[in-house]
Protein backbone atom coordinates (compact mmCIF):
# COMPACT_ATOMS: atom_id res chain seq x y z
CA MET A 1 -17.94 -5.14 5.77
CA PRO A 2 -16.65 -7.75 8.77
CA LEU A 3 -15.19 -6.25 11.51
CA THR A 4 -12.83 -8.04 14.45
CA GLU A 5 -10.81 -6.76 17.46
CA VAL A 6 -7.00 -6.52 16.72
CA LYS A 7 -4.83 -5.48 19.65
CA GLU A 8 -7.86 -3.26 21.04
CA VAL A 9 -8.76 -1.56 17.97
CA ASN A 10 -12.08 -2.67 15.73
CA ILE A 11 -10.45 -3.54 12.12
CA CYS A 12 -12.68 -3.70 9.19
CA TYR A 13 -11.73 -5.98 6.01
CA GLU A 14 -12.88 -7.87 3.04
CA ASP A 15 -12.15 -11.51 2.69
CA LYS A 16 -13.19 -12.58 -0.36
CA GLY A 17 -12.87 -15.86 -2.94
CA GLU A 18 -10.77 -19.05 -2.15
CA GLY A 19 -7.37 -20.51 -2.80
CA PRO A 20 -3.61 -19.19 -1.73
CA PRO A 21 -4.03 -15.93 0.24
CA LEU A 22 -3.31 -12.44 -1.38
CA VAL A 23 -3.55 -9.50 1.42
CA PHE A 24 -4.03 -5.94 -0.02
CA LEU A 25 -2.35 -3.22 2.31
CA HIS A 26 -3.63 0.14 1.22
CA CYS A 27 -1.82 3.76 0.98
CA TRP A 28 -2.08 6.59 3.51
CA THR A 29 -5.31 8.22 3.50
CA GLY A 30 -6.90 5.17 1.14
CA ASN A 31 -8.63 2.02 1.95
CA LYS A 32 -9.28 -1.26 0.99
CA ALA A 33 -11.45 -0.05 -1.61
CA PHE A 34 -8.44 0.89 -3.69
CA PHE A 35 -8.03 -2.44 -4.85
CA PHE A 36 -11.12 -2.98 -6.42
CA GLU A 37 -9.81 -3.76 -9.76
CA GLN A 38 -7.35 -6.57 -8.40
CA VAL A 39 -9.85 -8.22 -5.91
CA LYS A 40 -12.44 -8.17 -9.21
CA ARG A 41 -9.20 -9.82 -10.94
CA PHE A 42 -7.76 -12.26 -8.65
CA SER A 43 -10.66 -13.38 -6.36
CA SER A 44 -11.56 -16.34 -8.59
CA ASP A 45 -8.31 -17.75 -8.07
CA TYR A 46 -7.08 -16.31 -4.55
CA ARG A 47 -8.21 -15.75 -1.31
CA CYS A 48 -8.19 -11.81 -1.47
CA ILE A 49 -8.04 -10.23 1.87
CA ALA A 50 -7.91 -6.26 2.11
CA ILE A 51 -7.63 -4.64 5.19
CA ASP A 52 -8.27 -1.01 6.44
CA PHE A 53 -5.67 0.12 8.65
CA PRO A 54 -6.69 1.81 11.60
CA GLY A 55 -7.97 5.59 11.04
CA HIS A 56 -8.66 4.58 7.73
CA GLY A 57 -11.96 3.29 6.04
CA GLY A 58 -14.12 1.50 8.18
CA SER A 59 -11.70 0.61 11.13
CA ASP A 60 -11.46 2.69 14.25
CA GLU A 61 -8.96 5.13 15.20
CA CYS A 62 -5.78 4.00 17.46
CA ASP A 63 -3.23 5.47 19.79
CA GLU A 64 0.07 4.78 17.63
CA TYR A 65 0.26 5.06 13.79
CA SER A 66 3.41 3.68 12.46
CA VAL A 67 4.75 1.43 10.13
CA GLU A 68 5.81 -1.15 12.72
CA SER A 69 2.06 -0.99 14.36
CA PHE A 70 0.31 -1.39 11.00
CA ALA A 71 2.67 -4.55 10.42
CA GLU A 72 1.55 -5.76 13.97
CA ILE A 73 -2.20 -5.11 13.39
CA THR A 74 -1.71 -7.03 9.98
CA VAL A 75 -0.10 -10.08 11.68
CA GLY A 76 -2.88 -9.97 14.33
CA LEU A 77 -5.85 -10.22 11.64
CA MET A 78 -3.89 -12.74 9.52
CA LYS A 79 -4.15 -14.90 13.11
CA LYS A 80 -7.56 -14.28 13.38
CA LEU A 81 -8.15 -15.35 9.74
CA LYS A 82 -6.01 -18.20 10.24
CA VAL A 83 -3.73 -17.51 7.49
CA LYS A 84 -0.45 -19.11 8.20
CA LYS A 85 1.91 -17.05 5.00
CA ALA A 86 0.33 -15.03 2.46
CA VAL A 87 1.67 -12.84 -0.46
CA PHE A 88 1.37 -9.04 0.44
CA ALA A 89 0.10 -6.45 -1.98
CA GLY A 90 1.09 -3.09 -0.96
CA HIS A 91 0.40 0.28 -2.05
CA SER A 92 2.66 3.25 -1.00
CA MET A 93 2.55 3.36 2.86
CA GLY A 94 1.32 -0.33 2.41
CA GLY A 95 4.12 -1.43 0.49
CA MET A 96 6.22 -0.03 3.52
CA VAL A 97 4.15 -2.37 6.13
CA GLY A 98 4.63 -4.88 3.29
CA MET A 99 8.23 -4.46 3.79
CA GLN A 100 8.38 -4.38 7.69
CA LEU A 101 6.50 -7.70 7.60
CA ALA A 102 9.13 -9.28 5.44
CA LEU A 103 11.80 -8.14 8.13
CA ASP A 104 10.00 -8.53 11.16
CA PHE A 105 7.81 -11.73 10.42
CA PRO A 106 9.30 -13.58 7.39
CA GLU A 107 7.39 -16.72 8.46
CA LEU A 108 4.41 -15.09 7.49
CA VAL A 109 5.56 -13.80 4.18
CA LYS A 110 5.42 -16.07 0.94
CA GLY A 111 6.17 -12.80 -1.41
CA ILE A 112 5.76 -9.02 -1.42
CA ILE A 113 4.31 -7.04 -4.13
CA LEU A 114 5.43 -3.29 -3.86
CA LEU A 115 2.87 -1.02 -5.93
CA ASP A 116 4.54 2.87 -5.96
CA THR A 117 5.94 2.45 -2.64
CA THR A 118 9.56 3.28 -1.33
CA SER A 119 11.90 1.77 1.10
CA TYR A 120 12.56 5.67 2.52
CA LEU A 121 9.61 8.04 1.82
CA SER A 122 12.11 11.01 2.43
CA GLY A 123 14.81 9.61 0.44
CA HIS A 124 14.84 12.61 -2.40
CA ILE A 125 14.08 16.30 -1.52
CA PHE A 126 10.49 16.49 -3.51
CA GLN A 127 9.29 13.99 -1.39
CA ARG A 128 11.20 15.19 1.84
CA ALA A 129 9.43 18.67 1.32
CA PHE A 130 6.04 17.44 0.48
CA ALA A 131 5.75 15.14 3.73
CA SER A 132 6.90 18.10 5.95
CA VAL A 133 4.61 20.55 4.12
CA ALA A 134 1.86 18.29 4.41
CA VAL A 135 2.46 17.38 8.08
CA LEU A 136 2.18 20.92 8.89
CA VAL A 137 -0.83 21.63 6.63
CA SER A 138 -2.99 18.55 7.27
CA PRO A 139 -4.65 20.16 10.73
CA LEU A 140 -6.05 22.49 8.64
CA GLY A 141 -7.37 20.71 5.39
CA THR A 142 -11.17 20.77 4.64
CA ARG A 143 -12.42 18.14 2.77
CA PRO A 144 -12.87 19.56 -0.48
CA VAL A 145 -9.61 20.68 -0.39
CA LYS A 146 -7.86 17.42 0.50
CA ALA A 147 -10.01 15.89 -2.40
CA VAL A 148 -8.05 18.44 -5.03
CA VAL A 149 -4.90 17.79 -3.66
CA ALA A 150 -5.06 14.20 -3.47
CA GLY A 151 -6.71 14.16 -7.25
CA ILE A 152 -3.89 16.09 -9.00
CA ALA A 153 -0.76 15.20 -6.81
CA ALA A 154 -1.52 11.08 -6.91
CA THR A 155 -2.50 10.98 -10.59
CA TYR A 156 -0.75 11.07 -14.08
CA PRO A 157 -1.77 14.59 -15.42
CA LEU A 158 -3.58 12.77 -18.38
CA ALA A 159 -5.13 9.86 -16.54
CA GLY A 160 -8.72 11.31 -16.70
CA MET A 161 -11.30 12.00 -14.33
CA LYS A 162 -12.09 8.54 -13.15
CA ALA A 163 -8.76 8.07 -11.60
CA ARG A 164 -8.87 11.84 -10.10
CA VAL A 165 -12.32 11.29 -8.82
CA ILE A 166 -11.75 8.03 -6.88
CA THR A 167 -8.49 9.32 -5.47
CA GLY A 168 -9.86 12.57 -4.04
CA ARG A 169 -13.30 10.97 -3.04
CA GLU A 170 -11.55 8.25 -0.76
CA CYS A 171 -8.60 10.20 0.57
CA CYS A 172 -10.41 13.32 1.77
CA LYS A 173 -12.47 10.65 4.37
CA VAL A 174 -9.62 10.47 6.71
CA PRO A 175 -9.69 12.68 9.77
CA ASN A 176 -7.10 15.64 9.98
CA ARG A 177 -5.93 14.12 13.11
CA VAL A 178 -5.07 10.89 11.56
CA THR A 179 -3.40 12.14 8.42
CA GLY A 180 -1.05 14.32 10.61
CA LYS A 181 -0.13 11.84 13.21
CA SER A 182 0.17 8.95 10.62
CA LEU A 183 2.32 10.74 8.21
CA ASN A 184 4.89 12.32 10.74
CA SER A 185 5.60 8.64 11.80
CA PHE A 186 5.74 7.21 8.13
CA ARG A 187 8.22 9.85 6.69
CA LYS A 188 10.75 8.72 9.26
CA PHE A 189 10.27 5.07 7.56
CA ASN A 190 13.80 4.05 6.00
CA VAL A 191 14.78 0.40 5.69
CA THR A 192 16.92 0.76 2.61
CA ASP A 193 19.95 -0.42 4.41
CA ARG A 194 18.12 -3.42 5.27
CA LEU A 195 16.60 -4.34 1.91
CA GLY A 196 19.13 -7.29 1.57
CA GLU A 197 18.05 -9.11 4.58
CA ILE A 198 14.59 -9.78 2.63
CA ASP A 199 15.05 -12.79 0.20
CA THR A 200 11.51 -13.25 -0.59
CA PRO A 201 10.29 -12.94 -4.16
CA ALA A 202 9.29 -9.39 -4.62
CA LEU A 203 7.71 -7.51 -7.43
CA ILE A 204 8.31 -3.75 -7.74
CA VAL A 205 5.29 -1.72 -9.91
CA VAL A 206 5.62 1.88 -10.37
CA GLY A 207 4.36 4.65 -12.77
CA THR A 208 6.27 6.80 -14.78
CA ALA A 209 4.70 9.90 -13.69
CA ASP A 210 4.59 8.92 -9.58
CA MET A 211 5.71 12.39 -7.91
CA LEU A 212 5.17 10.64 -4.40
CA ALA A 213 7.24 7.27 -4.85
CA ASP A 214 8.90 7.83 -8.21
CA VAL A 215 11.01 5.28 -10.58
CA ARG A 216 14.26 6.46 -8.54
CA HIS A 217 12.44 4.86 -5.17
CA ALA A 218 11.85 1.98 -7.64
CA LYS A 219 15.21 1.58 -8.41
CA THR A 220 16.61 1.65 -4.92
CA MET A 221 14.59 -1.09 -3.89
CA ALA A 222 15.50 -3.06 -6.81
CA ARG A 223 19.09 -2.52 -6.13
CA GLY A 224 18.44 -3.56 -2.23
CA LEU A 225 15.97 -6.83 -2.70
CA PRO A 226 17.96 -9.79 -3.85
CA ASN A 227 14.83 -11.73 -5.27
CA SER A 228 13.38 -8.89 -7.02
CA THR A 229 11.66 -7.82 -10.61
CA MET A 230 10.62 -4.66 -11.66
CA LYS A 231 7.67 -3.39 -13.53
CA VAL A 232 7.48 0.44 -14.82
CA VAL A 233 3.87 1.31 -15.85
CA HIS A 234 3.66 3.86 -18.61
CA GLY A 235 1.17 6.60 -18.24
CA ALA A 236 0.56 6.10 -14.52
CA GLY A 237 0.85 8.23 -11.75
CA HIS A 238 0.82 7.10 -8.09
CA MET A 239 -2.46 5.21 -8.45
CA ALA A 240 -1.20 3.03 -11.21
CA LEU A 241 -3.48 0.15 -9.56
CA PHE A 242 -6.57 1.57 -11.08
CA GLU A 243 -5.38 4.01 -13.45
CA LYS A 244 -3.74 1.20 -15.52
CA PRO A 245 -5.00 -1.94 -13.67
CA GLU A 246 -4.73 -4.32 -17.10
CA VAL A 247 -0.74 -3.49 -17.06
CA VAL A 248 -0.84 -3.78 -12.89
CA ASN A 249 -2.61 -7.13 -13.14
CA GLU A 250 -0.79 -8.77 -15.68
CA ALA A 251 2.54 -8.00 -13.99
CA MET A 252 0.70 -9.62 -10.72
CA GLU A 253 -0.50 -12.40 -12.55
CA GLY A 254 3.21 -13.48 -13.76
CA TYR A 255 4.28 -13.18 -10.27
CA LEU A 256 1.63 -14.92 -8.89
CA ASN A 257 2.01 -17.87 -10.86
CA ARG A 258 5.57 -18.36 -9.95
CA VAL A 259 5.15 -17.68 -6.23
CA TYR A 260 2.24 -19.82 -6.23
CA PRO A 261 2.80 -22.60 -8.90
CA SER A 262 0.53 -25.20 -8.00
CA LYS A 263 -2.41 -23.11 -6.82
């Protein structure tokens, strides 16, 4: 995969297909490979760009891990790739980055797709407790332990082994120093009171069994975003994008046809 320097950090990305730009932003401890079902589906009609955030996937580590800094990294990569405006599809942490982009760089955002994400990570007691515990224990985690925890916590109980294996295999790769520093920053993210400033079209997708950014978070975003629609994916957890890819992709396709009617 190609590498390019953005804000003095080597960033790894995938750039596949031609057409209107569709940019994928991954979750905490994830990477661009999480969107394999979406890139496969949409790269025939769209220019699909998937980024590895600093410290994740093939990208180098950096000094600052925050939603704001990741948004700036994304903007820098878009400039390098000569993308003037795009739809951003963000999963979990990537959705937070998508909302930050819509607030700070609205001229770059054609639309946002918010996949199992939240405008306030610590908005409910379970997520607040989970984030606090994860920050405390992250320096101690071994790869097998991280893989098992991720595979259980992020997927639907009846999702089957494939989704669990993908989640565990990829999420355990991020170094402990990155997981702790990044989550400690991300858990303070809160743009709920600013959602009304985002008038770009938004699609909200959430799994019914998502424990990390649950339906309550999705409904909060739907109430706050003035130009949004919501799709609830039954039988999916936090990884609906590859637990139920046919449902997620169908919702995305309908949304993209509205945002890019003349592609």
